[in-house]
Each structure stands twice: as structure tokens, then as C-alpha cells.
């Protein structure tokens, strides 16, 4: 059984453009090590939230993604 119930699309705000997709889908829940690796792949340290943005959400649970808007905090 897949334990990931939610995915977020993280983008590097400084480098992400329509032609240059500096972004990655991250499955949640996850651990700090996987999150750090995802941040590294999109070129941010993950410490300063102004460097990245949660641009989209996906979930197999009906209605869950409706509770979130692009740009919300990862901690949310």
C-alpha cells in the first residue's frame, strides 16, 4: 500500500520559468533527509521559504487538495 497521501509541487522561485522547469513533485509524508534532497535538486537550501514555493497539490483523497492554495507554507 502506498503510504503517500499527498504530493506538493515545489518550485525554485528565482529560476523557474515556463521554459525552465526548476521544480519537483514531493510525496508526503516524508522525512527531513528526503526533503533536503528535494530542495537540493531544485537548487534551494530549504531554510529560506522565499526561495521556493508550493505551486500545486495532488492527492488521491477527494477534496483534500481543495483545502490548499498555491503558495501556502510547507508546514501547513
PDB file of N, CA and C in Angstrom:
ATOM      1  N   UNK A   1       0.844  -1.183   0.000  1.00  0.00           N
ATOM      2  CA  UNK A   1       0.000   0.000   0.000  1.00  0.00           C
ATOM      3  C   UNK A   1       0.887   1.244   0.000  1.00  0.00           C
ATOM      4  N   UNK A   2       0.544   2.195  -0.815  1.00  0.00           N
ATOM      5  CA  UNK A   2       1.290   3.450  -0.894  1.00  0.00           C
ATOM      6  C   UNK A   2       0.909   4.330   0.282  1.00  0.00           C
ATOM      7  N   UNK A   3       1.900   4.701   1.097  1.00  0.00           N
ATOM      8  CA  UNK A   3       1.614   5.493   2.285  1.00  0.00           C
ATOM      9  C   UNK A   3       1.598   6.996   2.011  1.00  0.00           C
ATOM     10  N   UNK A   4       1.928   7.408   0.795  1.00  0.00           N
ATOM     11  CA  UNK A   4       1.914   8.824   0.451  1.00  0.00           C
ATOM     12  C   UNK A   4       0.491   9.244   0.110  1.00  0.00           C
ATOM     13  N   UNK A   5       0.001  10.199   0.864  1.00  0.00           N
ATOM     14  CA  UNK A   5      -1.382  10.625   0.671  1.00  0.00           C
ATOM     15  C   UNK A   5      -1.488  12.004   0.050  1.00  0.00           C
ATOM     16  N   UNK A   6      -0.341  12.611  -0.192  1.00  0.00           N
ATOM     17  CA  UNK A   6      -0.353  13.995  -0.636  1.00  0.00           C
ATOM     18  C   UNK A   6       0.941  14.272  -1.377  1.00  0.00           C
ATOM     19  N   UNK A   7       0.884  15.073  -2.420  1.00  0.00           N
ATOM     20  CA  UNK A   7       2.088  15.494  -3.136  1.00  0.00           C
ATOM     21  C   UNK A   7       2.052  17.001  -3.308  1.00  0.00           C
ATOM     22  N   UNK A   8       3.228  17.606  -3.211  1.00  0.00           N
ATOM     23  CA  UNK A   8       3.349  19.049  -3.444  1.00  0.00           C
ATOM     24  C   UNK A   8       4.336  19.277  -4.573  1.00  0.00           C
ATOM     25  N   UNK A   9       4.067  20.286  -5.379  1.00  0.00           N
ATOM     26  CA  UNK A   9       4.941  20.656  -6.487  1.00  0.00           C
ATOM     27  C   UNK A   9       5.746  21.864  -6.037  1.00  0.00           C
ATOM     28  N   UNK A  10       7.022  21.641  -5.732  1.00  0.00           N
ATOM     29  CA  UNK A  10       7.908  22.695  -5.255  1.00  0.00           C
ATOM     30  C   UNK A  10       8.641  23.324  -6.421  1.00  0.00           C
ATOM     31  N   UNK A  11       8.675  24.651  -6.447  1.00  0.00           N
ATOM     32  CA  UNK A  11       9.437  25.344  -7.490  1.00  0.00           C
ATOM     33  C   UNK A  11      10.481  26.253  -6.863  1.00  0.00           C
ATOM     34  N   UNK A  12      11.575  26.411  -7.567  1.00  0.00           N
ATOM     35  CA  UNK A  12      12.600  27.390  -7.222  1.00  0.00           C
ATOM     36  C   UNK A  12      12.112  28.714  -7.806  1.00  0.00           C
ATOM     37  N   UNK A  13      11.711  29.644  -6.955  1.00  0.00           N
ATOM     38  CA  UNK A  13      11.082  30.886  -7.419  1.00  0.00           C
ATOM     39  C   UNK A  13      12.013  31.732  -8.284  1.00  0.00           C
ATOM     40  N   UNK A  14      13.297  31.696  -8.028  1.00  0.00           N
ATOM     41  CA  UNK A  14      14.241  32.529  -8.778  1.00  0.00           C
ATOM     42  C   UNK A  14      14.561  31.948 -10.155  1.00  0.00           C
ATOM     43  N   UNK A  15      14.504  30.632 -10.296  1.00  0.00           N
ATOM     44  CA  UNK A  15      14.959  30.001 -11.540  1.00  0.00           C
ATOM     45  C   UNK A  15      13.857  29.344 -12.357  1.00  0.00           C
ATOM     46  N   UNK A  16      12.653  29.241 -11.823  1.00  0.00           N
ATOM     47  CA  UNK A  16      11.566  28.543 -12.514  1.00  0.00           C
ATOM     48  C   UNK A  16      10.880  29.481 -13.503  1.00  0.00           C
ATOM     49  N   UNK A  17      10.873  29.086 -14.767  1.00  0.00           N
ATOM     50  CA  UNK A  17      10.162  29.838 -15.800  1.00  0.00           C
ATOM     51  C   UNK A  17       9.379  28.841 -16.644  1.00  0.00           C
ATOM     52  N   UNK A  18       8.601  29.366 -17.543  1.00  0.00           N
ATOM     53  CA  UNK A  18       7.824  28.492 -18.424  1.00  0.00           C
ATOM     54  C   UNK A  18       8.733  27.582 -19.247  1.00  0.00           C
ATOM     55  N   UNK A  19       9.890  28.084 -19.643  1.00  0.00           N
ATOM     56  CA  UNK A  19      10.828  27.294 -20.440  1.00  0.00           C
ATOM     57  C   UNK A  19      11.787  26.464 -19.584  1.00  0.00           C
ATOM     58  N   UNK A  20      11.983  26.849 -18.342  1.00  0.00           N
ATOM     59  CA  UNK A  20      12.959  26.212 -17.469  1.00  0.00           C
ATOM     60  C   UNK A  20      12.249  25.734 -16.202  1.00  0.00           C
ATOM     61  N   UNK A  21      11.861  24.470 -16.169  1.00  0.00           N
ATOM     62  CA  UNK A  21      11.100  23.942 -15.039  1.00  0.00           C
ATOM     63  C   UNK A  21      12.026  23.477 -13.927  1.00  0.00           C
ATOM     64  N   UNK A  22      12.375  24.386 -13.034  1.00  0.00           N
ATOM     65  CA  UNK A  22      13.199  24.038 -11.877  1.00  0.00           C
ATOM     66  C   UNK A  22      12.213  23.741 -10.746  1.00  0.00           C
ATOM     67  N   UNK A  23      11.736  22.508 -10.752  1.00  0.00           N
ATOM     68  CA  UNK A  23      10.672  22.124  -9.832  1.00  0.00           C
ATOM     69  C   UNK A  23      10.665  20.618  -9.663  1.00  0.00           C
ATOM     70  N   UNK A  24       9.927  20.177  -8.663  1.00  0.00           N
ATOM     71  CA  UNK A  24       9.847  18.740  -8.408  1.00  0.00           C
ATOM     72  C   UNK A  24       8.603  18.421  -7.588  1.00  0.00           C
ATOM     73  N   UNK A  25       7.962  17.302  -7.916  1.00  0.00           N
ATOM     74  CA  UNK A  25       6.885  16.784  -7.085  1.00  0.00           C
ATOM     75  C   UNK A  25       7.500  16.049  -5.908  1.00  0.00           C
ATOM     76  N   UNK A  26       6.990  16.305  -4.710  1.00  0.00           N
ATOM     77  CA  UNK A  26       7.473  15.652  -3.492  1.00  0.00           C
ATOM     78  C   UNK A  26       6.290  14.959  -2.823  1.00  0.00           C
ATOM     79  N   UNK A  27       6.446  13.680  -2.570  1.00  0.00           N
ATOM     80  CA  UNK A  27       5.389  12.910  -1.915  1.00  0.00           C
ATOM     81  C   UNK A  27       5.479  13.092  -0.407  1.00  0.00           C
ATOM     82  N   UNK A  28       4.315  13.271   0.210  1.00  0.00           N
ATOM     83  CA  UNK A  28       4.237  13.433   1.658  1.00  0.00           C
ATOM     84  C   UNK A  28       3.365  12.336   2.238  1.00  0.00           C
ATOM     85  N   UNK A  29       3.603  11.870   3.447  1.00  0.00           N
ATOM     86  CA  UNK A  29       4.649  12.348   4.336  1.00  0.00           C
ATOM     87  C   UNK A  29       6.022  11.896   3.866  1.00  0.00           C
ATOM     88  N   UNK A  30       7.028  12.609   4.321  1.00  0.00           N
ATOM     89  CA  UNK A  30       8.416  12.291   4.017  1.00  0.00           C
ATOM     90  C   UNK A  30       9.260  12.616   5.235  1.00  0.00           C
ATOM     91  N   UNK A  31      10.545  12.388   5.126  1.00  0.00           N
ATOM     92  CA  UNK A  31      11.430  12.716   6.243  1.00  0.00           C
ATOM     93  C   UNK A  31      12.359  13.861   5.859  1.00  0.00           C
ATOM     94  N   UNK A  32      13.097  14.353   6.820  1.00  0.00           N
ATOM     95  CA  UNK A  32      13.966  15.507   6.610  1.00  0.00           C
ATOM     96  C   UNK A  32      15.027  15.235   5.548  1.00  0.00           C
ATOM     97  N   UNK A  33      15.559  14.036   5.510  1.00  0.00           N
ATOM     98  CA  UNK A  33      16.596  13.691   4.535  1.00  0.00           C
ATOM     99  C   UNK A  33      16.060  13.773   3.101  1.00  0.00           C
ATOM    100  N   UNK A  34      14.882  13.220   2.864  1.00  0.00           N
ATOM    101  CA  UNK A  34      14.286  13.281   1.531  1.00  0.00           C
ATOM    102  C   UNK A  34      13.912  14.710   1.149  1.00  0.00           C
ATOM    103  N   UNK A  35      13.442  15.474   2.111  1.00  0.00           N
ATOM    104  CA  UNK A  35      13.072  16.867   1.836  1.00  0.00           C
ATOM    105  C   UNK A  35      14.319  17.678   1.490  1.00  0.00           C
ATOM    106  N   UNK A  36      15.399  17.458   2.231  1.00  0.00           N
ATOM    107  CA  UNK A  36      16.661  18.156   1.959  1.00  0.00           C
ATOM    108  C   UNK A  36      17.162  17.817   0.550  1.00  0.00           C
ATOM    109  N   UNK A  37      17.040  16.566   0.153  1.00  0.00           N
ATOM    110  CA  UNK A  37      17.471  16.143  -1.184  1.00  0.00           C
ATOM    111  C   UNK A  37      16.601  16.789  -2.262  1.00  0.00           C
ATOM    112  N   UNK A  38      15.304  16.885  -2.030  1.00  0.00           N
ATOM    113  CA  UNK A  38      14.406  17.537  -2.998  1.00  0.00           C
ATOM    114  C   UNK A  38      14.763  19.017  -3.137  1.00  0.00           C
ATOM    115  N   UNK A  39      15.006  19.686  -2.034  1.00  0.00           N
ATOM    116  CA  UNK A  39      15.415  21.086  -2.093  1.00  0.00           C
ATOM    117  C   UNK A  39      16.714  21.239  -2.883  1.00  0.00           C
ATOM    118  N   UNK A  40      17.667  20.349  -2.642  1.00  0.00           N
ATOM    119  CA  UNK A  40      18.946  20.415  -3.359  1.00  0.00           C
ATOM    120  C   UNK A  40      18.737  20.242  -4.864  1.00  0.00           C
ATOM    121  N   UNK A  41      17.852  19.332  -5.249  1.00  0.00           N
ATOM    122  CA  UNK A  41      17.608  19.100  -6.673  1.00  0.00           C
ATOM    123  C   UNK A  41      16.996  20.313  -7.366  1.00  0.00           C
ATOM    124  N   UNK A  42      16.219  21.121  -6.634  1.00  0.00           N
ATOM    125  CA  UNK A  42      15.660  22.325  -7.265  1.00  0.00           C
ATOM    126  C   UNK A  42      16.529  23.551  -7.013  1.00  0.00           C
ATOM    127  N   UNK A  43      17.631  23.372  -6.279  1.00  0.00           N
ATOM    128  CA  UNK A  43      18.613  24.439  -6.131  1.00  0.00           C
ATOM    129  C   UNK A  43      18.346  25.446  -5.032  1.00  0.00           C
ATOM    130  N   UNK A  44      17.684  25.026  -3.961  1.00  0.00           N
ATOM    131  CA  UNK A  44      17.481  25.906  -2.809  1.00  0.00           C
ATOM    132  C   UNK A  44      17.935  25.173  -1.550  1.00  0.00           C
ATOM    133  N   UNK A  45      18.175  25.941  -0.482  1.00  0.00           N
ATOM    134  CA  UNK A  45      18.605  25.292   0.754  1.00  0.00           C
ATOM    135  C   UNK A  45      17.441  24.810   1.611  1.00  0.00           C
ATOM    136  N   UNK A  46      16.237  25.322   1.351  1.00  0.00           N
ATOM    137  CA  UNK A  46      15.068  24.909   2.104  1.00  0.00           C
ATOM    138  C   UNK A  46      14.885  25.647   3.411  1.00  0.00           C
ATOM    139  N   UNK A  47      15.857  26.470   3.770  1.00  0.00           N
ATOM    140  CA  UNK A  47      15.778  27.230   5.019  1.00  0.00           C
ATOM    141  C   UNK A  47      14.968  28.504   4.822  1.00  0.00           C
ATOM    142  N   UNK A  48      15.204  29.179   3.707  1.00  0.00           N
ATOM    143  CA  UNK A  48      14.529  30.439   3.417  1.00  0.00           C
ATOM    144  C   UNK A  48      13.324  30.167   2.518  1.00  0.00           C
ATOM    145  N   UNK A  49      12.101  30.231   3.070  1.00  0.00           N
ATOM    146  CA  UNK A  49      10.925  29.925   2.270  1.00  0.00           C
ATOM    147  C   UNK A  49      10.662  30.911   1.136  1.00  0.00           C
ATOM    148  N   UNK A  50      11.345  32.036   1.113  1.00  0.00           N
ATOM    149  CA  UNK A  50      11.161  32.962  -0.009  1.00  0.00           C
ATOM    150  C   UNK A  50      11.860  32.465  -1.268  1.00  0.00           C
ATOM    151  N   UNK A  51      12.696  31.438  -1.159  1.00  0.00           N
ATOM    152  CA  UNK A  51      13.403  30.871  -2.313  1.00  0.00           C
ATOM    153  C   UNK A  51      12.565  29.857  -3.092  1.00  0.00           C
ATOM    154  N   UNK A  52      11.566  29.293  -2.453  1.00  0.00           N
ATOM    155  CA  UNK A  52      10.762  28.257  -3.098  1.00  0.00           C
ATOM    156  C   UNK A  52       9.282  28.511  -2.849  1.00  0.00           C
ATOM    157  N   UNK A  53       8.466  27.813  -3.630  1.00  0.00           N
ATOM    158  CA  UNK A  53       7.021  27.948  -3.476  1.00  0.00           C
ATOM    159  C   UNK A  53       6.356  26.608  -3.725  1.00  0.00           C
ATOM    160  N   UNK A  54       5.321  26.343  -2.981  1.00  0.00           N
ATOM    161  CA  UNK A  54       4.471  25.196  -3.256  1.00  0.00           C
ATOM    162  C   UNK A  54       3.465  25.667  -4.296  1.00  0.00           C
ATOM    163  N   UNK A  55       3.612  25.183  -5.519  1.00  0.00           N
ATOM    164  CA  UNK A  55       2.821  25.697  -6.635  1.00  0.00           C
ATOM    165  C   UNK A  55       1.565  24.875  -6.927  1.00  0.00           C
ATOM    166  N   UNK A  56       1.544  23.618  -6.482  1.00  0.00           N
ATOM    167  CA  UNK A  56       0.382  22.772  -6.762  1.00  0.00           C
ATOM    168  C   UNK A  56       0.356  21.606  -5.785  1.00  0.00           C
ATOM    169  N   UNK A  57      -0.796  20.958  -5.735  1.00  0.00           N
ATOM    170  CA  UNK A  57      -1.003  19.832  -4.835  1.00  0.00           C
ATOM    171  C   UNK A  57      -1.733  18.729  -5.576  1.00  0.00           C
ATOM    172  N   UNK A  58      -1.483  17.487  -5.168  1.00  0.00           N
ATOM    173  CA  UNK A  58      -2.224  16.340  -5.685  1.00  0.00           C
ATOM    174  C   UNK A  58      -2.434  15.355  -4.555  1.00  0.00           C
ATOM    175  N   UNK A  59      -3.580  14.696  -4.583  1.00  0.00           N
ATOM    176  CA  UNK A  59      -3.880  13.687  -3.574  1.00  0.00           C
ATOM    177  C   UNK A  59      -4.964  12.756  -4.109  1.00  0.00           C
ATOM    178  N   UNK A  60      -4.887  11.473  -3.746  1.00  0.00           N
ATOM    179  CA  UNK A  60      -5.957  10.555  -4.122  1.00  0.00           C
ATOM    180  C   UNK A  60      -7.190  10.715  -3.221  1.00  0.00           C
ATOM    181  N   UNK A  61      -7.091  11.509  -2.172  1.00  0.00           N
ATOM    182  CA  UNK A  61      -8.203  11.713  -1.250  1.00  0.00           C
ATOM    183  C   UNK A  61      -9.071  12.846  -1.776  1.00  0.00           C
ATOM    184  N   UNK A  62     -10.313  12.540  -2.095  1.00  0.00           N
ATOM    185  CA  UNK A  62     -11.237  13.533  -2.641  1.00  0.00           C
ATOM    186  C   UNK A  62     -11.344  14.749  -1.723  1.00  0.00           C
ATOM    187  N   UNK A  63     -11.180  15.934  -2.312  1.00  0.00           N
ATOM    188  CA  UNK A  63     -11.369  17.187  -1.599  1.00  0.00           C
ATOM    189  C   UNK A  63     -10.181  17.678  -0.807  1.00  0.00           C
ATOM    190  N   UNK A  64      -9.165  16.864  -0.598  1.00  0.00           N
ATOM    191  CA  UNK A  64      -8.033  17.294   0.222  1.00  0.00           C
ATOM    192  C   UNK A  64      -7.292  18.470  -0.402  1.00  0.00           C
ATOM    193  N   UNK A  65      -7.031  18.410  -1.683  1.00  0.00           N
ATOM    194  CA  UNK A  65      -6.274  19.498  -2.321  1.00  0.00           C
ATOM    195  C   UNK A  65      -7.070  20.795  -2.392  1.00  0.00           C
ATOM    196  N   UNK A  66      -8.381  20.719  -2.264  1.00  0.00           N
ATOM    197  CA  UNK A  66      -9.210  21.927  -2.278  1.00  0.00           C
ATOM    198  C   UNK A  66      -8.972  22.798  -1.054  1.00  0.00           C
ATOM    199  N   UNK A  67      -8.378  22.249  -0.031  1.00  0.00           N
ATOM    200  CA  UNK A  67      -8.124  22.981   1.210  1.00  0.00           C
ATOM    201  C   UNK A  67      -6.856  23.832   1.155  1.00  0.00           C
ATOM    202  N   UNK A  68      -6.095  23.692   0.075  1.00  0.00           N
ATOM    203  CA  UNK A  68      -4.815  24.399  -0.044  1.00  0.00           C
ATOM    204  C   UNK A  68      -4.787  25.242  -1.304  1.00  0.00           C
ATOM    205  N   UNK A  69      -4.091  26.363  -1.222  1.00  0.00           N
ATOM    206  CA  UNK A  69      -3.887  27.245  -2.379  1.00  0.00           C
ATOM    207  C   UNK A  69      -2.400  27.283  -2.709  1.00  0.00           C
ATOM    208  N   UNK A  70      -2.068  27.536  -3.969  1.00  0.00           N
ATOM    209  CA  UNK A  70      -0.658  27.710  -4.307  1.00  0.00           C
ATOM    210  C   UNK A  70      -0.021  28.777  -3.426  1.00  0.00           C
ATOM    211  N   UNK A  71       1.218  28.526  -3.026  1.00  0.00           N
ATOM    212  CA  UNK A  71       1.944  29.481  -2.210  1.00  0.00           C
ATOM    213  C   UNK A  71       1.859  29.257  -0.719  1.00  0.00           C
ATOM    214  N   UNK A  72       1.084  28.270  -0.286  1.00  0.00           N
ATOM    215  CA  UNK A  72       0.976  28.006   1.145  1.00  0.00           C
ATOM    216  C   UNK A  72       2.265  27.401   1.676  1.00  0.00           C
ATOM    217  N   UNK A  73       2.439  27.508   2.966  1.00  0.00           N
ATOM    218  CA  UNK A  73       3.624  27.010   3.639  1.00  0.00           C
ATOM    219  C   UNK A  73       3.672  25.486   3.601  1.00  0.00           C
ATOM    220  N   UNK A  74       4.872  24.947   3.495  1.00  0.00           N
ATOM    221  CA  UNK A  74       5.034  23.502   3.569  1.00  0.00           C
ATOM    222  C   UNK A  74       4.622  22.986   4.942  1.00  0.00           C
ATOM    223  N   UNK A  75       4.824  23.778   5.954  1.00  0.00           N
ATOM    224  CA  UNK A  75       4.442  23.370   7.312  1.00  0.00           C
ATOM    225  C   UNK A  75       2.934  23.220   7.451  1.00  0.00           C
ATOM    226  N   UNK A  76       2.200  23.964   6.649  1.00  0.00           N
ATOM    227  CA  UNK A  76       0.739  23.886   6.676  1.00  0.00           C
ATOM    228  C   UNK A  76       0.316  22.471   6.327  1.00  0.00           C
TER     229      UNK A  76
END
